[in-house]
Amino acid sequence: MLAPPYYFTLTDEEIFAYYKDVAASNEKKTPILGYNIPQCTNNVSVANFERLLDIDCIKGYKNSWNDMQEITSEIAGTCINQFIIKMRMIFGL
């Protein structure tokens, strides 16, 4: 599980670059779970997570954000379709 960097405020593009760099240096292709914990680190938006799913070794996402209404409204967009496809691939469904 990998949280975004903390201490400095980052843009979505910088957070994406961080995960992409970590994935690129992951020689063993160990699965990576993104971790959104905005009360302690930079917030990973659902739209940014959707982009992260295109990186091969990023396999999932844990969200410790307590605003379920906002999460639900964001997930209701196009991200959910890609997420379902990715989960089916991971679990062989």
C-alpha atoms as a PDB file:
ATOM      1  CA  MET A   1       0.000   0.000   0.000  1.00  0.00           C
ATOM      2  CA  LEU A   2       1.446   3.327  -1.074  1.00  0.00           C
ATOM      3  CA  ALA A   3       0.237   6.725   0.115  1.00  0.00           C
ATOM      4  CA  PRO A   4       1.119   9.888  -1.768  1.00  0.00           C
ATOM      5  CA  PRO A   5       3.885  12.092  -0.363  1.00  0.00           C
ATOM      6  CA  TYR A   6       3.065  14.327   2.565  1.00  0.00           C
ATOM      7  CA  TYR A   7       4.403  17.625   3.985  1.00  0.00           C
ATOM      8  CA  PHE A   8       4.075  19.416   0.610  1.00  0.00           C
ATOM      9  CA  THR A   9       0.888  20.193  -1.272  1.00  0.00           C
ATOM     10  CA  LEU A  10       0.964  18.468  -4.663  1.00  0.00           C
ATOM     11  CA  THR A  11      -1.156  18.809  -7.782  1.00  0.00           C
ATOM     12  CA  ASP A  12      -2.941  15.832  -9.354  1.00  0.00           C
ATOM     13  CA  GLU A  13      -0.238  15.763 -12.024  1.00  0.00           C
ATOM     14  CA  GLU A  14       2.543  15.592  -9.402  1.00  0.00           C
ATOM     15  CA  ILE A  15       0.757  12.814  -7.503  1.00  0.00           C
ATOM     16  CA  PHE A  16       0.305  10.886 -10.750  1.00  0.00           C
ATOM     17  CA  ALA A  17       4.009  11.345 -11.579  1.00  0.00           C
ATOM     18  CA  TYR A  18       4.947  10.070  -8.103  1.00  0.00           C
ATOM     19  CA  TYR A  19       2.974   6.840  -8.493  1.00  0.00           C
ATOM     20  CA  LYS A  20       4.209   6.424 -12.076  1.00  0.00           C
ATOM     21  CA  ASP A  21       7.851   6.816 -10.950  1.00  0.00           C
ATOM     22  CA  VAL A  22       7.422   4.306  -8.124  1.00  0.00           C
ATOM     23  CA  ALA A  23       5.763   1.837 -10.515  1.00  0.00           C
ATOM     24  CA  ALA A  24       8.553   2.294 -13.070  1.00  0.00           C
ATOM     25  CA  SER A  25      11.187   1.507 -10.440  1.00  0.00           C
ATOM     26  CA  ASN A  26       9.267  -1.583  -9.303  1.00  0.00           C
ATOM     27  CA  GLU A  27      11.493  -4.158 -11.024  1.00  0.00           C
ATOM     28  CA  LYS A  28       9.704  -7.171  -9.520  1.00  0.00           C
ATOM     29  CA  LYS A  29       6.308  -5.762 -10.562  1.00  0.00           C
ATOM     30  CA  THR A  30       5.019  -6.173  -7.018  1.00  0.00           C
ATOM     31  CA  PRO A  31       1.345  -5.145  -6.962  1.00  0.00           C
ATOM     32  CA  ILE A  32       0.788  -1.647  -5.614  1.00  0.00           C
ATOM     33  CA  LEU A  33      -2.340  -0.458  -3.846  1.00  0.00           C
ATOM     34  CA  GLY A  34      -2.846   3.276  -3.852  1.00  0.00           C
ATOM     35  CA  TYR A  35      -3.817   4.714  -0.486  1.00  0.00           C
ATOM     36  CA  ASN A  36      -5.843   7.878  -0.169  1.00  0.00           C
ATOM     37  CA  ILE A  37      -5.701   9.289   3.339  1.00  0.00           C
ATOM     38  CA  PRO A  38      -6.226  13.020   2.768  1.00  0.00           C
ATOM     39  CA  GLN A  39      -6.307  13.888   6.460  1.00  0.00           C
ATOM     40  CA  CYS A  40      -2.579  12.963   6.541  1.00  0.00           C
ATOM     41  CA  THR A  41      -1.354  13.282   2.932  1.00  0.00           C
ATOM     42  CA  ASN A  42      -2.333  14.809  -0.390  1.00  0.00           C
ATOM     43  CA  ASN A  43      -5.792  13.834  -1.610  1.00  0.00           C
ATOM     44  CA  VAL A  44      -5.856  11.438  -4.569  1.00  0.00           C
ATOM     45  CA  SER A  45      -8.938  12.350  -6.575  1.00  0.00           C
ATOM     46  CA  VAL A  46     -11.067   9.634  -8.133  1.00  0.00           C
ATOM     47  CA  ALA A  47     -10.242  11.080 -11.566  1.00  0.00           C
ATOM     48  CA  ASN A  48      -6.533  10.766 -10.814  1.00  0.00           C
ATOM     49  CA  PHE A  49      -7.002   7.237  -9.525  1.00  0.00           C
ATOM     50  CA  GLU A  50      -8.757   6.383 -12.786  1.00  0.00           C
ATOM     51  CA  ARG A  51      -5.561   7.376 -14.618  1.00  0.00           C
ATOM     52  CA  LEU A  52      -3.463   5.369 -12.168  1.00  0.00           C
ATOM     53  CA  LEU A  53      -5.363   2.188 -13.084  1.00  0.00           C
ATOM     54  CA  ASP A  54      -3.660   2.325 -16.487  1.00  0.00           C
ATOM     55  CA  ILE A  55      -0.320   1.602 -14.799  1.00  0.00           C
ATOM     56  CA  ASP A  56       0.172  -2.172 -14.854  1.00  0.00           C
ATOM     57  CA  CYS A  57       1.312  -2.832 -11.299  1.00  0.00           C
ATOM     58  CA  ILE A  58      -1.270  -0.545  -9.646  1.00  0.00           C
ATOM     59  CA  LYS A  59      -3.968  -3.020  -8.723  1.00  0.00           C
ATOM     60  CA  GLY A  60      -6.300  -1.226  -6.372  1.00  0.00           C
ATOM     61  CA  TYR A  61      -7.075   1.677  -4.128  1.00  0.00           C
ATOM     62  CA  LYS A  62      -7.838   2.076  -0.442  1.00  0.00           C
ATOM     63  CA  ASN A  63      -9.736   5.200   0.461  1.00  0.00           C
ATOM     64  CA  SER A  64      -9.755   6.432   4.058  1.00  0.00           C
ATOM     65  CA  TRP A  65     -11.668   9.549   3.164  1.00  0.00           C
ATOM     66  CA  ASN A  66     -14.728   9.969   5.361  1.00  0.00           C
ATOM     67  CA  ASP A  67     -16.872  12.003   2.934  1.00  0.00           C
ATOM     68  CA  MET A  68     -18.840   9.136   1.400  1.00  0.00           C
ATOM     69  CA  GLN A  69     -21.247  11.439  -0.420  1.00  0.00           C
ATOM     70  CA  GLU A  70     -18.442  13.068  -2.384  1.00  0.00           C
ATOM     71  CA  ILE A  71     -16.742   9.733  -3.058  1.00  0.00           C
ATOM     72  CA  THR A  72     -20.005   8.236  -4.318  1.00  0.00           C
ATOM     73  CA  SER A  73     -20.716  11.142  -6.637  1.00  0.00           C
ATOM     74  CA  GLU A  74     -17.195  11.003  -8.087  1.00  0.00           C
ATOM     75  CA  ILE A  75     -17.256   7.234  -8.576  1.00  0.00           C
ATOM     76  CA  ALA A  76     -20.610   7.495 -10.360  1.00  0.00           C
ATOM     77  CA  GLY A  77     -18.674   8.896 -13.346  1.00  0.00           C
ATOM     78  CA  THR A  78     -16.648   6.949 -15.886  1.00  0.00           C
ATOM     79  CA  CYS A  79     -14.165   5.650 -13.339  1.00  0.00           C
ATOM     80  CA  ILE A  80     -16.486   2.930 -12.101  1.00  0.00           C
ATOM     81  CA  ASN A  81     -16.567   1.127 -15.444  1.00  0.00           C
ATOM     82  CA  GLN A  82     -12.784   0.952 -15.683  1.00  0.00           C
ATOM     83  CA  PHE A  83     -12.548  -0.052 -12.020  1.00  0.00           C
ATOM     84  CA  ILE A  84     -14.973  -2.958 -12.538  1.00  0.00           C
ATOM     85  CA  ILE A  85     -13.060  -4.144 -15.593  1.00  0.00           C
ATOM     86  CA  LYS A  86      -9.761  -3.977 -13.697  1.00  0.00           C
ATOM     87  CA  MET A  87     -11.188  -5.855 -10.687  1.00  0.00           C
ATOM     88  CA  ARG A  88     -12.567  -8.560 -12.981  1.00  0.00           C
ATOM     89  CA  MET A  89      -9.107  -8.940 -14.514  1.00  0.00           C
ATOM     90  CA  ILE A  90      -7.434  -9.130 -11.101  1.00  0.00           C
ATOM     91  CA  PHE A  91      -9.872 -11.658  -9.656  1.00  0.00           C
ATOM     92  CA  GLY A  92     -10.408 -13.602 -12.880  1.00  0.00           C
ATOM     93  CA  LEU A  93     -14.144 -12.920 -13.099  1.00  0.00           C
END
